[in-house]
Every structure is written in C-alpha cells, then in structure tokens.
C-alpha cells in the first residue's frame, strides 16, 4: 500500500464502506472509542487477500489506503476520482494507535456491534 486517497467527502467515504460491506467485504478492525463516528473513525475491510484501510476525522475528512488495483475498482464502481497525497489519519503511527484501540473482532461479533 503505497498511496493514500485524501480529502474524501464524509458522505462518500461512508457510502463506500457501507456498499463494500453489503458486497461481502468483512470488517476486521473498527475503532469503537467514545468519539467514533463523531470526531474520528477507523475501519479495515478485507475480502480474500484484499485489504482496505479507512480513516476519517471531522477536520480532514476521509482517507483510504489500499493497492492501486483496488483504487481503480473503487473509482470505477463509485464514479469518483480520488485525490492522493500525504495522509493525516492513515500514517503508520496513527494506524497502530487505532488498531490498539479497536475492539477484538470476536468481541464485536459477540456483542452484535456490526449490525446496521
């Protein structure tokens, strides 16, 4: 994962996550802090060997990090042209922090937190 899409409008960022989940992408990590979805958010979705990282905060909008082929798919599927640049929320140290703060998936499933 070499590049990051930045400044993705919140509504579009959430739409991408929602539609991918409805198409079989599995949540493997999710930030569940008290401010999740209000001040910041973090998701990792997987499908087979493919992985997409999503991060958002209310100051810099959404970010997505994935392989180039997945970006091509996302741009085509969602009719969006991403702006690429230096991430704010998907820097390695920030991702590590989110992962440490994320609930283990088995607990999330047990508590039915992924039901929409």
Protein backbone atom coordinates (compact mmCIF):
# COMPACT_ATOMS: atom_id res chain seq x y z
CA UNK A 1 0.00 0.00 0.00
CA UNK A 2 1.89 2.94 -1.28
CA UNK A 3 -0.58 5.77 -1.75
CA UNK A 4 -3.49 7.23 0.14
CA UNK A 5 -6.63 8.91 -1.12
CA UNK A 6 -7.27 12.00 0.97
CA UNK A 7 -9.99 14.64 1.48
CA UNK A 8 -12.85 12.28 0.67
CA UNK A 9 -16.20 13.86 1.48
CA UNK A 10 -17.65 12.23 4.59
CA UNK A 11 -20.88 11.14 2.91
CA UNK A 12 -19.00 9.44 0.04
CA UNK A 13 -16.48 7.86 2.43
CA UNK A 14 -19.29 6.28 4.48
CA UNK A 15 -21.15 5.22 1.33
CA UNK A 16 -18.09 3.33 0.08
CA UNK A 17 -17.74 1.46 3.38
CA UNK A 18 -21.44 0.62 3.54
CA UNK A 19 -21.67 -0.66 -0.03
CA UNK A 20 -18.48 -2.71 0.23
CA UNK A 21 -19.79 -4.37 3.39
CA UNK A 22 -23.06 -5.20 1.62
CA UNK A 23 -20.98 -6.84 -1.13
CA UNK A 24 -19.16 -9.23 1.16
CA UNK A 25 -16.24 -7.19 2.47
CA UNK A 26 -15.61 -8.16 6.09
CA UNK A 27 -14.77 -5.77 8.93
CA UNK A 28 -11.55 -6.97 10.56
CA UNK A 29 -10.89 -3.88 12.64
CA UNK A 30 -13.07 -0.99 13.78
CA UNK A 31 -12.46 1.90 16.15
CA UNK A 32 -15.08 1.90 18.93
CA UNK A 33 -13.92 4.83 21.05
CA UNK A 34 -16.50 7.10 22.64
CA UNK A 35 -15.97 9.56 19.77
CA UNK A 36 -16.17 7.00 16.93
CA UNK A 37 -18.10 8.46 14.03
CA UNK A 38 -18.28 11.85 15.74
CA UNK A 39 -14.70 13.11 15.87
CA UNK A 40 -12.85 10.24 14.19
CA UNK A 41 -13.32 6.79 12.75
CA UNK A 42 -11.23 3.85 11.52
CA UNK A 43 -12.11 0.65 9.66
CA UNK A 44 -10.23 -2.17 7.98
CA UNK A 45 -12.19 -4.18 5.44
CA UNK A 46 -11.00 -7.43 3.85
CA UNK A 47 -12.20 -9.65 1.06
CA UNK A 48 -9.97 -12.63 0.45
CA UNK A 49 -6.42 -11.32 0.29
CA UNK A 50 -7.55 -7.75 -0.46
CA UNK A 51 -7.44 -5.15 2.31
CA UNK A 52 -8.63 -1.54 2.51
CA UNK A 53 -7.90 0.87 5.37
CA UNK A 54 -10.35 3.71 6.02
CA UNK A 55 -9.84 6.60 8.42
CA UNK A 56 -11.76 9.81 9.00
CA UNK A 57 -11.83 12.78 11.28
CA UNK A 58 -14.01 15.84 11.37
CA UNK A 59 -11.12 18.14 10.41
CA UNK A 60 -9.56 16.46 7.38
CA UNK A 61 -12.42 14.27 6.02
CA UNK A 62 -11.96 10.68 4.87
CA UNK A 63 -8.88 8.78 3.77
CA UNK A 64 -8.50 5.40 2.09
CA UNK A 65 -5.36 3.32 1.72
CA UNK A 66 -5.20 0.23 -0.50
CA UNK A 67 -3.49 -1.31 -3.51
CA UNK A 68 -3.61 0.51 -6.86
CA UNK A 69 -5.90 -2.11 -8.44
CA UNK A 70 -8.42 -1.65 -5.66
CA UNK A 71 -8.31 2.12 -6.14
CA UNK A 72 -9.04 1.57 -9.85
CA UNK A 73 -12.03 -0.61 -8.90
CA UNK A 74 -13.31 1.93 -6.35
CA UNK A 75 -13.01 4.85 -8.77
CA UNK A 76 -14.91 2.93 -11.44
CA UNK A 77 -17.52 1.42 -9.13
CA UNK A 78 -18.31 4.62 -7.22
CA UNK A 79 -17.68 7.07 -10.08
CA UNK A 80 -15.21 9.05 -8.03
CA UNK A 81 -11.78 10.48 -8.81
CA UNK A 82 -9.61 10.36 -5.73
CA UNK A 83 -7.10 12.98 -4.71
CA UNK A 84 -3.91 11.34 -3.50
CA UNK A 85 -1.50 12.81 -1.01
CA UNK A 86 0.12 12.62 2.40
CA UNK A 87 -2.27 11.06 4.93
CA UNK A 88 -3.21 12.62 8.23
CA UNK A 89 -5.20 9.74 9.71
CA UNK A 90 -3.53 6.82 7.94
CA UNK A 91 0.07 7.47 8.95
CA UNK A 92 1.65 4.24 10.28
CA UNK A 93 1.77 5.50 13.87
CA UNK A 94 -1.86 6.63 13.79
CA UNK A 95 -2.97 3.30 12.28
CA UNK A 96 -1.12 1.46 15.04
CA UNK A 97 -2.90 3.58 17.65
CA UNK A 98 -6.29 2.83 16.08
CA UNK A 99 -5.53 -0.88 15.97
CA UNK A 100 -4.60 -0.87 19.64
CA UNK A 101 -7.84 0.95 20.49
CA UNK A 102 -10.04 -1.29 18.32
CA UNK A 103 -12.07 -4.00 19.95
CA UNK A 104 -11.12 -7.55 19.04
CA UNK A 105 -13.37 -8.81 16.25
CA UNK A 106 -14.68 -11.78 18.27
CA UNK A 107 -15.95 -9.37 20.94
CA UNK A 108 -17.51 -7.07 18.34
CA UNK A 109 -19.35 -10.04 16.82
CA UNK A 110 -20.42 -11.38 20.21
CA UNK A 111 -21.95 -8.01 21.10
CA UNK A 112 -23.55 -7.63 17.63
CA UNK A 113 -21.91 -4.22 17.14
CA UNK A 114 -21.71 -4.59 13.36
CA UNK A 115 -25.46 -4.85 12.83
CA UNK A 116 -26.75 -1.92 10.79
